[in-house]
Amino acid sequence: EKAGLIHIQRAKEMQVKMLYAELDKEDKNQNVQRIRRVEEFKRLQTLQKIQEDDDRSERIKDEKAYVREQQKTSAHEAFIRKQRVKEAMNEMRVTNKFVNIESILGGDKKKTRVDKGEEKDPASH
């Protein structure tokens, strides 16, 4: 009888021990899965940050290209204006006819004569 009780008690202790071992194993498994989820989340965050940085870099590159193109266009327009002014000044010097330079640069057909350094506004006639 006593041996039977000892056997039953040892069996119960063994079951409790196995239950704790099973619980420890489940805890470890859950911790591993939690760590994997955290690592996956961090990986996805890193990929998102990389994509955002790439998008930002692309926008900056596009903006720089746009600014460069605008500068190029402005420089070209300034060059053309400068050339027109040179041509107009040269024409006035050669012909000795001093007319309103805006009319020449603006392409107006009607030239307004300038007498002794005074400009006449064609709109005031």
C-alpha atoms as a PDB file:
ATOM      1  CA  GLU A   1       0.000   0.000   0.000  1.00  0.00           C
ATOM      2  CA  LYS A   2       2.703   2.375   0.963  1.00  0.00           C
ATOM      3  CA  ALA A   3       4.636   1.492  -2.170  1.00  0.00           C
ATOM      4  CA  GLY A   4       1.499   2.200  -4.251  1.00  0.00           C
ATOM      5  CA  LEU A   5       1.093   5.617  -2.635  1.00  0.00           C
ATOM      6  CA  ILE A   6       4.724   6.449  -3.282  1.00  0.00           C
ATOM      7  CA  HIS A   7       4.330   5.307  -6.886  1.00  0.00           C
ATOM      8  CA  ILE A   8       1.192   7.483  -7.342  1.00  0.00           C
ATOM      9  CA  GLN A   9       2.902  10.461  -5.724  1.00  0.00           C
ATOM     10  CA  ARG A  10       5.972  10.072  -7.960  1.00  0.00           C
ATOM     11  CA  ALA A  11       3.746   9.805 -11.016  1.00  0.00           C
ATOM     12  CA  LYS A  12       1.953  13.040 -10.018  1.00  0.00           C
ATOM     13  CA  GLU A  13       5.311  14.768  -9.444  1.00  0.00           C
ATOM     14  CA  MET A  14       6.468  13.532 -12.825  1.00  0.00           C
ATOM     15  CA  GLN A  15       3.288  14.884 -14.478  1.00  0.00           C
ATOM     16  CA  VAL A  16       3.756  18.257 -12.767  1.00  0.00           C
ATOM     17  CA  LYS A  17       7.403  18.292 -13.857  1.00  0.00           C
ATOM     18  CA  MET A  18       6.420  17.432 -17.445  1.00  0.00           C
ATOM     19  CA  LEU A  19       3.694  20.114 -17.354  1.00  0.00           C
ATOM     20  CA  TYR A  20       6.248  22.735 -16.243  1.00  0.00           C
ATOM     21  CA  ALA A  21       8.668  21.541 -18.918  1.00  0.00           C
ATOM     22  CA  GLU A  22       5.885  21.815 -21.525  1.00  0.00           C
ATOM     23  CA  LEU A  23       4.991  25.335 -20.275  1.00  0.00           C
ATOM     24  CA  ASP A  24       8.666  26.394 -20.385  1.00  0.00           C
ATOM     25  CA  LYS A  25       8.958  25.020 -23.908  1.00  0.00           C
ATOM     26  CA  GLU A  26       5.794  26.940 -24.953  1.00  0.00           C
ATOM     27  CA  ASP A  27       7.119  30.144 -23.324  1.00  0.00           C
ATOM     28  CA  LYS A  28      10.405  29.806 -25.197  1.00  0.00           C
ATOM     29  CA  ASN A  29       8.559  29.157 -28.455  1.00  0.00           C
ATOM     30  CA  GLN A  30       6.355  32.239 -27.918  1.00  0.00           C
ATOM     31  CA  ASN A  31       9.417  34.351 -27.100  1.00  0.00           C
ATOM     32  CA  VAL A  32      11.143  33.199 -30.298  1.00  0.00           C
ATOM     33  CA  GLN A  33       8.032  34.063 -32.323  1.00  0.00           C
ATOM     34  CA  ARG A  34       7.728  37.451 -30.600  1.00  0.00           C
ATOM     35  CA  ILE A  35      11.396  38.200 -31.345  1.00  0.00           C
ATOM     36  CA  ARG A  36      10.876  37.201 -34.991  1.00  0.00           C
ATOM     37  CA  ARG A  37       7.835  39.486 -35.246  1.00  0.00           C
ATOM     38  CA  VAL A  38       9.806  42.375 -33.728  1.00  0.00           C
ATOM     39  CA  GLU A  39      12.698  41.759 -36.134  1.00  0.00           C
ATOM     40  CA  GLU A  40      10.295  41.577 -39.094  1.00  0.00           C
ATOM     41  CA  PHE A  41       8.658  44.830 -37.986  1.00  0.00           C
ATOM     42  CA  LYS A  42      12.076  46.510 -37.731  1.00  0.00           C
ATOM     43  CA  ARG A  43      13.035  45.140 -41.144  1.00  0.00           C
ATOM     44  CA  LEU A  44       9.844  46.518 -42.692  1.00  0.00           C
ATOM     45  CA  GLN A  45      10.398  49.875 -41.001  1.00  0.00           C
ATOM     46  CA  THR A  46      13.942  49.976 -42.386  1.00  0.00           C
ATOM     47  CA  LEU A  47      12.701  49.131 -45.878  1.00  0.00           C
ATOM     48  CA  GLN A  48      10.045  51.862 -45.599  1.00  0.00           C
ATOM     49  CA  LYS A  49      12.669  54.396 -44.471  1.00  0.00           C
ATOM     50  CA  ILE A  50      14.952  53.392 -47.348  1.00  0.00           C
ATOM     51  CA  GLN A  51      12.062  53.825 -49.808  1.00  0.00           C
ATOM     52  CA  GLU A  52      11.167  57.230 -48.339  1.00  0.00           C
ATOM     53  CA  ASP A  53      14.814  58.308 -48.538  1.00  0.00           C
ATOM     54  CA  ASP A  54      15.007  57.114 -52.159  1.00  0.00           C
ATOM     55  CA  ASP A  55      11.817  59.029 -52.995  1.00  0.00           C
ATOM     56  CA  ARG A  56      13.180  62.149 -51.292  1.00  0.00           C
ATOM     57  CA  SER A  57      16.481  61.846 -53.167  1.00  0.00           C
ATOM     58  CA  GLU A  58      14.615  61.475 -56.454  1.00  0.00           C
ATOM     59  CA  ARG A  59      12.494  64.567 -55.714  1.00  0.00           C
ATOM     60  CA  ILE A  60      15.605  66.582 -54.833  1.00  0.00           C
ATOM     61  CA  LYS A  61      17.330  65.398 -58.019  1.00  0.00           C
ATOM     62  CA  ASP A  62      14.279  66.390 -60.086  1.00  0.00           C
ATOM     63  CA  GLU A  63      14.092  69.791 -58.381  1.00  0.00           C
ATOM     64  CA  LYS A  64      17.789  70.417 -59.019  1.00  0.00           C
ATOM     65  CA  ALA A  65      17.357  69.481 -62.664  1.00  0.00           C
ATOM     66  CA  TYR A  66      14.384  71.849 -62.913  1.00  0.00           C
ATOM     67  CA  VAL A  67      16.359  74.683 -61.290  1.00  0.00           C
ATOM     68  CA  ARG A  68      19.314  74.015 -63.634  1.00  0.00           C
ATOM     69  CA  GLU A  69      16.980  74.136 -66.628  1.00  0.00           C
ATOM     70  CA  GLN A  70      15.444  77.396 -65.378  1.00  0.00           C
ATOM     71  CA  GLN A  71      18.917  78.890 -64.886  1.00  0.00           C
ATOM     72  CA  LYS A  72      19.914  77.789 -68.374  1.00  0.00           C
ATOM     73  CA  THR A  73      16.753  79.336 -69.849  1.00  0.00           C
ATOM     74  CA  SER A  74      17.268  82.571 -67.909  1.00  0.00           C
ATOM     75  CA  ALA A  75      20.905  82.791 -68.988  1.00  0.00           C
ATOM     76  CA  HIS A  76      19.895  82.247 -72.610  1.00  0.00           C
ATOM     77  CA  GLU A  77      17.172  84.911 -72.405  1.00  0.00           C
ATOM     78  CA  ALA A  78      19.621  87.339 -70.773  1.00  0.00           C
ATOM     79  CA  PHE A  79      22.144  86.643 -73.538  1.00  0.00           C
ATOM     80  CA  ILE A  80      19.531  87.317 -76.221  1.00  0.00           C
ATOM     81  CA  ARG A  81      18.462  90.577 -74.502  1.00  0.00           C
ATOM     82  CA  LYS A  82      22.087  91.646 -74.245  1.00  0.00           C
ATOM     83  CA  GLN A  83      22.641  90.900 -77.927  1.00  0.00           C
ATOM     84  CA  ARG A  84      19.541  92.908 -78.894  1.00  0.00           C
ATOM     85  CA  VAL A  85      20.704  95.848 -76.798  1.00  0.00           C
ATOM     86  CA  LYS A  86      24.142  95.688 -78.432  1.00  0.00           C
ATOM     87  CA  GLU A  87      22.586  95.563 -81.882  1.00  0.00           C
ATOM     88  CA  ALA A  88      20.229  98.444 -81.084  1.00  0.00           C
ATOM     89  CA  MET A  89      23.042 100.566 -79.662  1.00  0.00           C
ATOM     90  CA  ASN A  90      25.224  99.786 -82.666  1.00  0.00           C
ATOM     91  CA  GLU A  91      22.387 100.644 -85.054  1.00  0.00           C
ATOM     92  CA  MET A  92      21.751 103.948 -83.252  1.00  0.00           C
ATOM     93  CA  ARG A  93      25.463 104.768 -83.318  1.00  0.00           C
ATOM     94  CA  VAL A  94      25.852 103.898 -87.008  1.00  0.00           C
ATOM     95  CA  THR A  95      22.687 105.674 -88.202  1.00  0.00           C
ATOM     96  CA  ASN A  96      23.020 108.491 -85.689  1.00  0.00           C
ATOM     97  CA  LYS A  97      19.302 108.089 -84.993  1.00  0.00           C
ATOM     98  CA  PHE A  98      18.610 107.900 -81.278  1.00  0.00           C
ATOM     99  CA  VAL A  99      15.234 106.334 -80.726  1.00  0.00           C
ATOM    100  CA  ASN A 100      13.492 104.877 -77.731  1.00  0.00           C
ATOM    101  CA  ILE A 101      15.369 101.604 -77.084  1.00  0.00           C
ATOM    102  CA  GLU A 102      12.231  99.891 -75.705  1.00  0.00           C
ATOM    103  CA  SER A 103      10.578 100.340 -79.116  1.00  0.00           C
ATOM    104  CA  ILE A 104      13.509  98.598 -80.793  1.00  0.00           C
ATOM    105  CA  LEU A 105      13.705  95.818 -78.225  1.00  0.00           C
ATOM    106  CA  GLY A 106       9.955  95.435 -78.063  1.00  0.00           C
ATOM    107  CA  GLY A 107       9.785  95.090 -81.824  1.00  0.00           C
ATOM    108  CA  ASP A 108       7.409  98.062 -82.315  1.00  0.00           C
ATOM    109  CA  LYS A 109       7.338  99.243 -85.933  1.00  0.00           C
ATOM    110  CA  LYS A 110       6.772 102.835 -84.887  1.00  0.00           C
ATOM    111  CA  LYS A 111      10.018 104.360 -83.614  1.00  0.00           C
ATOM    112  CA  THR A 112       9.854 107.351 -81.327  1.00  0.00           C
ATOM    113  CA  ARG A 113      12.484 109.983 -81.810  1.00  0.00           C
ATOM    114  CA  VAL A 114      14.459 111.133 -78.785  1.00  0.00           C
ATOM    115  CA  ASP A 115      15.571 114.770 -78.822  1.00  0.00           C
ATOM    116  CA  LYS A 116      18.619 115.808 -76.839  1.00  0.00           C
ATOM    117  CA  GLY A 117      18.434 113.004 -74.261  1.00  0.00           C
ATOM    118  CA  GLU A 118      14.687 113.331 -73.565  1.00  0.00           C
ATOM    119  CA  GLU A 119      12.546 110.277 -74.164  1.00  0.00           C
ATOM    120  CA  LYS A 120       9.121 110.689 -75.651  1.00  0.00           C
ATOM    121  CA  ASP A 121       6.455 108.246 -74.607  1.00  0.00           C
ATOM    122  CA  PRO A 122       4.442 107.106 -77.645  1.00  0.00           C
ATOM    123  CA  ALA A 123       1.365 106.754 -75.416  1.00  0.00           C
ATOM    124  CA  SER A 124       1.414 110.489 -74.556  1.00  0.00           C
ATOM    125  CA  HIS A 125       0.825 111.625 -78.192  1.00  0.00           C
END
